[in-house]
Amino acid sequence: MRKGQKMPEGLRLKRSEYMKAHPLKYWQGKKRKWYTLSVEGRQRIIEGLKRRKISDKVIAHTAGLNKGKFGKEHPKWTDDKKRPLYQAIRSLFQYKKWRANIFERDNFTCQMCGKRGSDLEADHHPKQFIEIIRGNNIVSVENAIDCKELWLAQGRTFCKPCHQTTFRLSKR
């Protein structure tokens, strides 16, 4: 039927009987605004959804969807998220001291948005931590301790969201 065309009487009766038997099926896939349904109509839909039964086949299918996709069962799981060398360098006393000095110098304030607090990160500046490691061919913790550029980097204090945006901007 076209828009604006009058519906034949037989079809109208058939549709009204169908809607009485299946109140939820009629609205399936159709867009409707909250004010087009009466309160009684909304209640009938809610009650219909509560009575609706889900088949065992659907339950079995959805139960197996996420099987083996989380944790150690995932095919791309790695035990160490950060590389051990980078982790070892960041756990050095010298690195922690450098980081604390950066925070104190910046008064524990994000240099981009001005946020203060404990959710802060120290950023090597003007070169990134990874660039310093690769540029100086650091392959061990001893090499890292001897590298002056790593400890003399100016550094900046950022909150986590701002630090992520600076990393994205520097990749471009």
Protein backbone atom coordinates (compact mmCIF):
# COMPACT_ATOMS: atom_id res chain seq x y z
CA MET A 1 0.00 0.00 0.00
CA ARG A 2 1.12 3.52 -0.73
CA LYS A 3 1.25 6.31 1.76
CA GLY A 4 -2.10 8.11 2.03
CA GLN A 5 -4.02 5.29 0.36
CA LYS A 6 -7.03 3.90 2.21
CA MET A 7 -6.62 0.34 3.51
CA PRO A 8 -9.18 -2.23 2.29
CA GLU A 9 -11.61 -3.38 5.00
CA GLY A 10 -10.55 -7.05 4.83
CA LEU A 11 -6.88 -6.21 5.25
CA ARG A 12 -7.63 -3.82 8.13
CA LEU A 13 -9.54 -6.54 10.03
CA LYS A 14 -6.84 -9.10 9.34
CA ARG A 15 -4.14 -6.73 10.62
CA SER A 16 -6.05 -5.82 13.78
CA GLU A 17 -6.53 -9.53 14.61
CA TYR A 18 -2.82 -10.16 14.05
CA MET A 19 -1.87 -7.23 16.28
CA LYS A 20 -4.12 -8.54 19.07
CA ALA A 21 -2.51 -11.98 18.84
CA HIS A 22 1.09 -10.71 18.46
CA PRO A 23 1.41 -7.22 19.99
CA LEU A 24 5.20 -7.22 19.93
CA LYS A 25 5.71 -8.51 16.39
CA TYR A 26 3.95 -5.52 14.84
CA TRP A 27 6.46 -3.05 16.24
CA GLN A 28 9.52 -5.19 15.52
CA GLY A 29 11.99 -3.20 13.42
CA LYS A 30 9.83 -0.05 13.37
CA LYS A 31 10.97 3.26 14.81
CA ARG A 32 8.62 4.91 17.24
CA LYS A 33 8.85 7.81 19.61
CA TRP A 34 8.05 7.48 23.28
CA TYR A 35 4.94 9.63 23.00
CA THR A 36 3.30 7.59 20.22
CA LEU A 37 2.41 4.78 22.61
CA SER A 38 -0.05 5.14 25.42
CA VAL A 39 0.92 4.12 28.93
CA GLU A 40 -1.30 1.05 28.54
CA GLY A 41 0.41 0.16 25.27
CA ARG A 42 3.85 0.43 26.85
CA GLN A 43 2.73 -1.80 29.73
CA ARG A 44 1.50 -4.46 27.30
CA ILE A 45 4.84 -4.45 25.51
CA ILE A 46 6.74 -4.72 28.79
CA GLU A 47 4.54 -7.60 29.95
CA GLY A 48 4.99 -9.34 26.59
CA LEU A 49 8.76 -9.08 26.88
CA LYS A 50 8.66 -10.56 30.38
CA ARG A 51 6.64 -13.58 29.16
CA ARG A 52 8.89 -14.15 26.16
CA LYS A 53 10.87 -17.38 26.37
CA ILE A 54 14.34 -17.85 24.94
CA SER A 55 15.02 -21.19 23.33
CA ASP A 56 17.76 -23.52 24.57
CA LYS A 57 19.43 -23.29 21.17
CA VAL A 58 19.87 -19.51 21.51
CA ILE A 59 21.17 -19.85 25.09
CA ALA A 60 23.69 -22.51 24.01
CA HIS A 61 24.83 -20.36 21.09
CA THR A 62 25.34 -17.20 23.17
CA ALA A 63 27.09 -19.10 25.98
CA GLY A 64 29.81 -20.26 23.59
CA LEU A 65 30.41 -16.90 21.91
CA ASN A 66 33.10 -15.66 24.30
CA LYS A 67 34.65 -19.03 25.14
CA GLY A 68 38.43 -18.90 25.04
CA LYS A 69 38.65 -15.19 24.22
CA PHE A 70 39.78 -13.82 27.58
CA GLY A 71 42.90 -14.15 29.67
CA LYS A 72 45.45 -16.85 29.03
CA GLU A 73 43.06 -18.70 26.71
CA HIS A 74 43.25 -15.87 24.13
CA PRO A 75 45.47 -16.69 21.13
CA LYS A 76 47.38 -13.39 21.44
CA TRP A 77 47.96 -13.55 25.21
CA THR A 78 51.40 -12.49 26.40
CA ASP A 79 52.58 -12.88 29.99
CA ASP A 80 54.57 -9.65 30.07
CA LYS A 81 52.70 -6.70 28.65
CA LYS A 82 55.71 -4.37 28.82
CA ARG A 83 59.09 -5.49 27.71
CA PRO A 84 61.20 -6.71 30.63
CA LEU A 85 64.03 -4.22 29.95
CA TYR A 86 61.67 -1.23 30.02
CA GLN A 87 60.05 -2.55 33.17
CA ALA A 88 63.45 -3.04 34.81
CA ILE A 89 64.54 0.51 33.91
CA ARG A 90 61.31 1.99 35.28
CA SER A 91 61.77 0.09 38.55
CA LEU A 92 65.26 1.53 39.13
CA PHE A 93 65.74 3.88 42.09
CA GLN A 94 67.35 6.42 39.75
CA TYR A 95 64.25 6.46 37.50
CA LYS A 96 61.91 6.83 40.49
CA LYS A 97 64.03 9.71 41.78
CA TRP A 98 63.99 11.40 38.33
CA ARG A 99 60.20 11.00 38.21
CA ALA A 100 59.73 12.44 41.73
CA ASN A 101 61.92 15.44 40.82
CA ILE A 102 59.74 16.13 37.74
CA PHE A 103 56.56 15.98 39.86
CA GLU A 104 58.00 18.30 42.53
CA ARG A 105 59.28 20.79 39.93
CA ASP A 106 55.82 20.92 38.28
CA ASN A 107 54.07 21.05 41.68
CA PHE A 108 52.16 17.80 40.99
CA THR A 109 50.13 19.57 38.29
CA CYS A 110 49.39 18.42 34.74
CA GLN A 111 51.17 20.79 32.35
CA MET A 112 48.41 20.57 29.76
CA CYS A 113 45.10 20.81 31.65
CA GLY A 114 46.22 21.95 35.13
CA LYS A 115 44.74 18.94 36.95
CA ARG A 116 46.34 18.13 40.30
CA GLY A 117 46.34 14.80 42.05
CA SER A 118 47.82 11.33 42.25
CA ASP A 119 46.86 10.14 38.75
CA LEU A 120 49.95 11.68 37.14
CA GLU A 121 52.64 10.44 34.77
CA ALA A 122 56.12 11.72 33.95
CA ASP A 123 56.86 12.22 30.27
CA HIS A 124 60.39 12.38 28.80
CA HIS A 125 60.72 15.55 26.76
CA PRO A 126 61.72 16.50 24.03
CA LYS A 127 62.46 12.85 23.11
CA GLN A 128 60.26 9.94 24.17
CA PHE A 129 61.53 7.23 26.53
CA ILE A 130 61.52 4.65 23.74
CA GLU A 131 63.45 6.95 21.37
CA ILE A 132 66.16 7.47 23.99
CA ILE A 133 66.44 3.70 24.60
CA ARG A 134 66.65 2.87 20.89
CA GLY A 135 68.83 5.85 19.97
CA ASN A 136 71.49 4.96 22.54
CA ASN A 137 71.33 1.20 21.85
CA ILE A 138 70.47 0.36 25.44
CA VAL A 139 70.22 -3.42 25.82
CA SER A 140 70.74 -3.84 29.57
CA VAL A 141 70.02 -2.07 32.85
CA GLU A 142 73.74 -1.21 33.22
CA ASN A 143 73.65 0.58 29.85
CA ALA A 144 70.58 2.50 31.01
CA ILE A 145 72.27 3.62 34.23
CA ASP A 146 75.29 4.86 32.24
CA CYS A 147 73.14 6.73 29.69
CA LYS A 148 73.14 10.43 30.66
CA GLU A 149 70.43 11.43 28.17
CA LEU A 150 67.89 9.23 29.96
CA TRP A 151 68.38 10.99 33.30
CA LEU A 152 68.98 14.52 32.01
CA ALA A 153 65.79 14.65 29.93
CA GLN A 154 63.73 17.70 30.88
CA GLY A 155 60.50 15.80 31.46
CA ARG A 156 56.94 17.01 31.96
CA THR A 157 54.07 16.09 34.27
CA PHE A 158 50.81 14.95 32.64
CA CYS A 159 47.60 13.31 33.79
CA LYS A 160 46.83 10.02 32.01
CA PRO A 161 44.34 11.42 29.43
CA CYS A 162 46.67 14.29 28.46
CA HIS A 163 49.65 11.94 28.26
CA GLN A 164 47.74 9.72 25.83
CA THR A 165 46.90 12.70 23.61
CA THR A 166 50.55 13.85 23.50
CA PHE A 167 51.60 10.36 22.48
CA ARG A 168 49.00 10.32 19.68
CA LEU A 169 50.07 13.79 18.50
CA SER A 170 53.75 12.84 18.41
CA LYS A 171 53.02 9.76 16.26
CA ARG A 172 51.73 11.94 13.39
